[in-house]
Amino acid sequence: MGLSDDAIDDARIINNLRRTIELTELTLALRASLVRQEDPGCDPMVRVMREIRSAKDFAWRKSTNL
């Protein structure tokens, strides 16, 4: 039994919403890392990548619990 067109559209919409949420969280993490100075001796790019990785992990965990 195949999926109906509505079910396929719903799945695509859900996937797009998850991506949108993830990108928003990544963008906010990037902005926060640039604004906040946690460790002045730390390379800014290292800090940004750490924040992005953390936000992406959080978004993935949150999306798998839906």
PDB file of N, CA and C in Angstrom:
ATOM      1  N   MET A   1       0.844  -1.174   0.000  1.00  0.00           N
ATOM      2  CA  MET A   1       0.000   0.000   0.000  1.00  0.00           C
ATOM      3  C   MET A   1       0.891   1.240   0.000  1.00  0.00           C
ATOM      4  N   GLY A   2       0.710   2.082  -0.979  1.00  0.00           N
ATOM      5  CA  GLY A   2       1.530   3.281  -1.103  1.00  0.00           C
ATOM      6  C   GLY A   2       0.947   4.434  -0.305  1.00  0.00           C
ATOM      7  N   LEU A   3       1.754   5.451  -0.164  1.00  0.00           N
ATOM      8  CA  LEU A   3       1.309   6.646   0.533  1.00  0.00           C
ATOM      9  C   LEU A   3       0.466   7.499  -0.395  1.00  0.00           C
ATOM     10  N   SER A   4      -0.549   8.135   0.162  1.00  0.00           N
ATOM     11  CA  SER A   4      -1.373   9.030  -0.638  1.00  0.00           C
ATOM     12  C   SER A   4      -0.607  10.315  -0.921  1.00  0.00           C
ATOM     13  N   ASP A   5      -1.095  11.066  -1.887  1.00  0.00           N
ATOM     14  CA  ASP A   5      -0.444  12.344  -2.216  1.00  0.00           C
ATOM     15  C   ASP A   5      -0.429  13.279  -1.013  1.00  0.00           C
ATOM     16  N   ASP A   6      -1.516  13.273  -0.234  1.00  0.00           N
ATOM     17  CA  ASP A   6      -1.577  14.125   0.955  1.00  0.00           C
ATOM     18  C   ASP A   6      -0.522  13.714   1.990  1.00  0.00           C
ATOM     19  N   ALA A   7      -0.338  12.416   2.163  1.00  0.00           N
ATOM     20  CA  ALA A   7       0.653  11.932   3.124  1.00  0.00           C
ATOM     21  C   ALA A   7       2.068  12.293   2.673  1.00  0.00           C
ATOM     22  N   ILE A   8       2.315  12.210   1.375  1.00  0.00           N
ATOM     23  CA  ILE A   8       3.629  12.584   0.836  1.00  0.00           C
ATOM     24  C   ILE A   8       3.868  14.079   1.040  1.00  0.00           C
ATOM     25  N   ASP A   9       2.844  14.885   0.750  1.00  0.00           N
ATOM     26  CA  ASP A   9       2.962  16.335   0.965  1.00  0.00           C
ATOM     27  C   ASP A   9       3.180  16.657   2.439  1.00  0.00           C
ATOM     28  N   ASP A  10       2.441  15.986   3.308  1.00  0.00           N
ATOM     29  CA  ASP A  10       2.611  16.213   4.752  1.00  0.00           C
ATOM     30  C   ASP A  10       4.021  15.872   5.199  1.00  0.00           C
ATOM     31  N   ALA A  11       4.559  14.760   4.714  1.00  0.00           N
ATOM     32  CA  ALA A  11       5.919  14.354   5.077  1.00  0.00           C
ATOM     33  C   ALA A  11       6.932  15.380   4.586  1.00  0.00           C
ATOM     34  N   ARG A  12       6.742  15.888   3.392  1.00  0.00           N
ATOM     35  CA  ARG A  12       7.654  16.890   2.842  1.00  0.00           C
ATOM     36  C   ARG A  12       7.576  18.194   3.649  1.00  0.00           C
ATOM     37  N   ILE A  13       6.368  18.591   4.034  1.00  0.00           N
ATOM     38  CA  ILE A  13       6.185  19.803   4.834  1.00  0.00           C
ATOM     39  C   ILE A  13       6.859  19.652   6.193  1.00  0.00           C
ATOM     40  N   ILE A  14       6.672  18.500   6.823  1.00  0.00           N
ATOM     41  CA  ILE A  14       7.293  18.242   8.116  1.00  0.00           C
ATOM     42  C   ILE A  14       8.814  18.305   8.002  1.00  0.00           C
ATOM     43  N   ASN A  15       9.346  17.683   6.973  1.00  0.00           N
ATOM     44  CA  ASN A  15      10.801  17.698   6.764  1.00  0.00           C
ATOM     45  C   ASN A  15      11.309  19.124   6.552  1.00  0.00           C
ATOM     46  N   ASN A  16      10.596  19.910   5.776  1.00  0.00           N
ATOM     47  CA  ASN A  16      10.996  21.297   5.537  1.00  0.00           C
ATOM     48  C   ASN A  16      10.931  22.126   6.814  1.00  0.00           C
ATOM     49  N   LEU A  17       9.911  21.890   7.632  1.00  0.00           N
ATOM     50  CA  LEU A  17       9.807  22.612   8.900  1.00  0.00           C
ATOM     51  C   LEU A  17      10.957  22.256   9.831  1.00  0.00           C
ATOM     52  N   ARG A  18      11.331  20.982   9.873  1.00  0.00           N
ATOM     53  CA  ARG A  18      12.469  20.566  10.698  1.00  0.00           C
ATOM     54  C   ARG A  18      13.752  21.239  10.237  1.00  0.00           C
ATOM     55  N   ARG A  19      13.941  21.300   8.929  1.00  0.00           N
ATOM     56  CA  ARG A  19      15.139  21.966   8.393  1.00  0.00           C
ATOM     57  C   ARG A  19      15.135  23.449   8.728  1.00  0.00           C
ATOM     58  N   THR A  20      13.969  24.069   8.622  1.00  0.00           N
ATOM     59  CA  THR A  20      13.848  25.493   8.930  1.00  0.00           C
ATOM     60  C   THR A  20      14.180  25.759  10.388  1.00  0.00           C
ATOM     61  N   ILE A  21      13.659  24.921  11.271  1.00  0.00           N
ATOM     62  CA  ILE A  21      13.935  25.074  12.697  1.00  0.00           C
ATOM     63  C   ILE A  21      15.421  24.883  12.960  1.00  0.00           C
ATOM     64  N   GLU A  22      16.013  23.870  12.351  1.00  0.00           N
ATOM     65  CA  GLU A  22      17.437  23.609  12.552  1.00  0.00           C
ATOM     66  C   GLU A  22      18.285  24.784  12.063  1.00  0.00           C
ATOM     67  N   LEU A  23      17.967  25.310  10.888  1.00  0.00           N
ATOM     68  CA  LEU A  23      18.734  26.440  10.362  1.00  0.00           C
ATOM     69  C   LEU A  23      18.564  27.683  11.227  1.00  0.00           C
ATOM     70  N   THR A  24      17.358  27.890  11.745  1.00  0.00           N
ATOM     71  CA  THR A  24      17.127  29.028  12.632  1.00  0.00           C
ATOM     72  C   THR A  24      17.954  28.885  13.900  1.00  0.00           C
ATOM     73  N   GLU A  25      17.959  27.698  14.479  1.00  0.00           N
ATOM     74  CA  GLU A  25      18.741  27.470  15.690  1.00  0.00           C
ATOM     75  C   GLU A  25      20.238  27.616  15.423  1.00  0.00           C
ATOM     76  N   LEU A  26      20.687  27.150  14.271  1.00  0.00           N
ATOM     77  CA  LEU A  26      22.103  27.302  13.924  1.00  0.00           C
ATOM     78  C   LEU A  26      22.464  28.775  13.756  1.00  0.00           C
ATOM     79  N   THR A  27      21.593  29.527  13.124  1.00  0.00           N
ATOM     80  CA  THR A  27      21.836  30.952  12.927  1.00  0.00           C
ATOM     81  C   THR A  27      21.880  31.683  14.262  1.00  0.00           C
ATOM     82  N   LEU A  28      20.953  31.344  15.145  1.00  0.00           N
ATOM     83  CA  LEU A  28      20.939  31.973  16.458  1.00  0.00           C
ATOM     84  C   LEU A  28      22.188  31.611  17.265  1.00  0.00           C
ATOM     85  N   ALA A  29      22.632  30.371  17.140  1.00  0.00           N
ATOM     86  CA  ALA A  29      23.853  29.954  17.832  1.00  0.00           C
ATOM     87  C   ALA A  29      25.056  30.722  17.299  1.00  0.00           C
ATOM     88  N   LEU A  30      25.114  30.900  16.001  1.00  0.00           N
ATOM     89  CA  LEU A  30      26.210  31.654  15.403  1.00  0.00           C
ATOM     90  C   LEU A  30      26.198  33.091  15.901  1.00  0.00           C
ATOM     91  N   ARG A  31      25.037  33.702  15.893  1.00  0.00           N
ATOM     92  CA  ARG A  31      24.920  35.085  16.364  1.00  0.00           C
ATOM     93  C   ARG A  31      25.317  35.187  17.833  1.00  0.00           C
ATOM     94  N   ALA A  32      24.821  34.268  18.647  1.00  0.00           N
ATOM     95  CA  ALA A  32      25.132  34.303  20.080  1.00  0.00           C
ATOM     96  C   ALA A  32      26.627  34.138  20.325  1.00  0.00           C
ATOM     97  N   SER A  33      27.254  33.265  19.562  1.00  0.00           N
ATOM     98  CA  SER A  33      28.691  33.040  19.765  1.00  0.00           C
ATOM     99  C   SER A  33      29.511  34.257  19.361  1.00  0.00           C
ATOM    100  N   LEU A  34      29.026  34.996  18.397  1.00  0.00           N
ATOM    101  CA  LEU A  34      29.749  36.192  17.985  1.00  0.00           C
ATOM    102  C   LEU A  34      29.550  37.344  18.963  1.00  0.00           C
ATOM    103  N   VAL A  35      28.379  37.399  19.569  1.00  0.00           N
ATOM    104  CA  VAL A  35      28.084  38.475  20.503  1.00  0.00           C
ATOM    105  C   VAL A  35      28.734  38.214  21.858  1.00  0.00           C
ATOM    106  N   ARG A  36      28.668  36.970  22.295  1.00  0.00           N
ATOM    107  CA  ARG A  36      29.175  36.594  23.621  1.00  0.00           C
ATOM    108  C   ARG A  36      30.677  36.312  23.562  1.00  0.00           C
ATOM    109  N   GLN A  37      31.372  36.772  24.525  1.00  0.00           N
ATOM    110  CA  GLN A  37      32.815  36.535  24.603  1.00  0.00           C
ATOM    111  C   GLN A  37      33.093  35.640  25.809  1.00  0.00           C
ATOM    112  N   GLU A  38      32.909  34.334  25.660  1.00  0.00           N
ATOM    113  CA  GLU A  38      33.120  33.407  26.763  1.00  0.00           C
ATOM    114  C   GLU A  38      34.601  33.284  27.108  1.00  0.00           C
ATOM    115  N   ASP A  39      35.416  33.131  26.105  1.00  0.00           N
ATOM    116  CA  ASP A  39      36.845  32.906  26.319  1.00  0.00           C
ATOM    117  C   ASP A  39      37.611  33.813  25.355  1.00  0.00           C
ATOM    118  N   PRO A  40      38.062  34.963  25.839  1.00  0.00           N
ATOM    119  CA  PRO A  40      38.747  35.892  24.934  1.00  0.00           C
ATOM    120  C   PRO A  40      39.973  35.292  24.238  1.00  0.00           C
ATOM    121  N   GLY A  41      40.591  34.261  24.832  1.00  0.00           N
ATOM    122  CA  GLY A  41      41.761  33.650  24.226  1.00  0.00           C
ATOM    123  C   GLY A  41      41.423  32.622  23.169  1.00  0.00           C
ATOM    124  N   CYS A  42      40.151  32.253  23.071  1.00  0.00           N
ATOM    125  CA  CYS A  42      39.709  31.220  22.124  1.00  0.00           C
ATOM    126  C   CYS A  42      39.566  31.817  20.721  1.00  0.00           C
ATOM    127  N   ASP A  43      39.959  31.038  19.721  1.00  0.00           N
ATOM    128  CA  ASP A  43      39.794  31.441  18.326  1.00  0.00           C
ATOM    129  C   ASP A  43      38.292  31.601  18.036  1.00  0.00           C
ATOM    130  N   PRO A  44      37.864  32.754  17.498  1.00  0.00           N
ATOM    131  CA  PRO A  44      36.431  32.975  17.240  1.00  0.00           C
ATOM    132  C   PRO A  44      35.804  31.888  16.348  1.00  0.00           C
ATOM    133  N   MET A  45      36.534  31.406  15.362  1.00  0.00           N
ATOM    134  CA  MET A  45      35.976  30.389  14.472  1.00  0.00           C
ATOM    135  C   MET A  45      35.759  29.073  15.213  1.00  0.00           C
ATOM    136  N   VAL A  46      36.657  28.725  16.102  1.00  0.00           N
ATOM    137  CA  VAL A  46      36.500  27.511  16.909  1.00  0.00           C
ATOM    138  C   VAL A  46      35.249  27.643  17.767  1.00  0.00           C
ATOM    139  N   ARG A  47      35.065  28.810  18.368  1.00  0.00           N
ATOM    140  CA  ARG A  47      33.891  29.052  19.205  1.00  0.00           C
ATOM    141  C   ARG A  47      32.607  28.957  18.380  1.00  0.00           C
ATOM    142  N   VAL A  48      32.612  29.555  17.195  1.00  0.00           N
ATOM    143  CA  VAL A  48      31.438  29.512  16.320  1.00  0.00           C
ATOM    144  C   VAL A  48      31.109  28.073  15.943  1.00  0.00           C
ATOM    145  N   MET A  49      32.110  27.313  15.547  1.00  0.00           N
ATOM    146  CA  MET A  49      31.867  25.927  15.142  1.00  0.00           C
ATOM    147  C   MET A  49      31.344  25.099  16.313  1.00  0.00           C
ATOM    148  N   ARG A  50      31.865  25.345  17.504  1.00  0.00           N
ATOM    149  CA  ARG A  50      31.394  24.635  18.695  1.00  0.00           C
ATOM    150  C   ARG A  50      29.921  24.947  18.964  1.00  0.00           C
ATOM    151  N   GLU A  51      29.548  26.225  18.844  1.00  0.00           N
ATOM    152  CA  GLU A  51      28.159  26.632  19.064  1.00  0.00           C
ATOM    153  C   GLU A  51      27.230  26.031  18.009  1.00  0.00           C
ATOM    154  N   ILE A  52      27.676  26.027  16.759  1.00  0.00           N
ATOM    155  CA  ILE A  52      26.858  25.455  15.682  1.00  0.00           C
ATOM    156  C   ILE A  52      26.664  23.961  15.908  1.00  0.00           C
ATOM    157  N   ARG A  53      27.725  23.267  16.251  1.00  0.00           N
ATOM    158  CA  ARG A  53      27.636  21.826  16.510  1.00  0.00           C
ATOM    159  C   ARG A  53      26.668  21.536  17.655  1.00  0.00           C
ATOM    160  N   SER A  54      26.760  22.323  18.701  1.00  0.00           N
ATOM    161  CA  SER A  54      25.888  22.151  19.856  1.00  0.00           C
ATOM    162  C   SER A  54      24.424  22.404  19.484  1.00  0.00           C
ATOM    163  N   ALA A  55      24.172  23.471  18.739  1.00  0.00           N
ATOM    164  CA  ALA A  55      22.793  23.781  18.332  1.00  0.00           C
ATOM    165  C   ALA A  55      22.248  22.724  17.385  1.00  0.00           C
ATOM    166  N   LYS A  56      23.082  22.234  16.496  1.00  0.00           N
ATOM    167  CA  LYS A  56      22.641  21.203  15.557  1.00  0.00           C
ATOM    168  C   LYS A  56      22.311  19.905  16.299  1.00  0.00           C
ATOM    169  N   ASP A  57      23.140  19.521  17.256  1.00  0.00           N
ATOM    170  CA  ASP A  57      22.847  18.330  18.058  1.00  0.00           C
ATOM    171  C   ASP A  57      21.539  18.498  18.823  1.00  0.00           C
ATOM    172  N   PHE A  58      21.343  19.682  19.398  1.00  0.00           N
ATOM    173  CA  PHE A  58      20.117  19.950  20.143  1.00  0.00           C
ATOM    174  C   PHE A  58      18.899  19.874  19.230  1.00  0.00           C
ATOM    175  N   ALA A  59      18.995  20.484  18.042  1.00  0.00           N
ATOM    176  CA  ALA A  59      17.872  20.464  17.095  1.00  0.00           C
ATOM    177  C   ALA A  59      17.570  19.052  16.639  1.00  0.00           C
ATOM    178  N   TRP A  60      18.604  18.235  16.423  1.00  0.00           N
ATOM    179  CA  TRP A  60      18.390  16.855  15.992  1.00  0.00           C
ATOM    180  C   TRP A  60      17.692  16.068  17.083  1.00  0.00           C
ATOM    181  N   ARG A  61      18.158  16.224  18.321  1.00  0.00           N
ATOM    182  CA  ARG A  61      17.526  15.492  19.437  1.00  0.00           C
ATOM    183  C   ARG A  61      16.076  15.908  19.584  1.00  0.00           C
ATOM    184  N   LYS A  62      15.823  17.199  19.439  1.00  0.00           N
ATOM    185  CA  LYS A  62      14.461  17.707  19.584  1.00  0.00           C
ATOM    186  C   LYS A  62      13.566  17.180  18.456  1.00  0.00           C
ATOM    187  N   SER A  63      14.081  17.128  17.236  1.00  0.00           N
ATOM    188  CA  SER A  63      13.272  16.671  16.102  1.00  0.00           C
ATOM    189  C   SER A  63      12.984  15.175  16.161  1.00  0.00           C
ATOM    190  N   THR A  64      13.855  14.399  16.776  1.00  0.00           N
ATOM    191  CA  THR A  64      13.610  12.965  16.872  1.00  0.00           C
ATOM    192  C   THR A  64      12.602  12.644  17.960  1.00  0.00           C
ATOM    193  N   ASN A  65      12.317  13.610  18.833  1.00  0.00           N
ATOM    194  CA  ASN A  65      11.337  13.393  19.896  1.00  0.00           C
ATOM    195  C   ASN A  65       9.941  13.827  19.484  1.00  0.00           C
ATOM    196  N   LEU A  66       9.757  14.317  18.265  1.00  0.00           N
ATOM    197  CA  LEU A  66       8.426  14.758  17.806  1.00  0.00           C
ATOM    198  C   LEU A  66       7.526  13.606  17.516  1.00  0.00           C
TER     199      LEU A  66
END
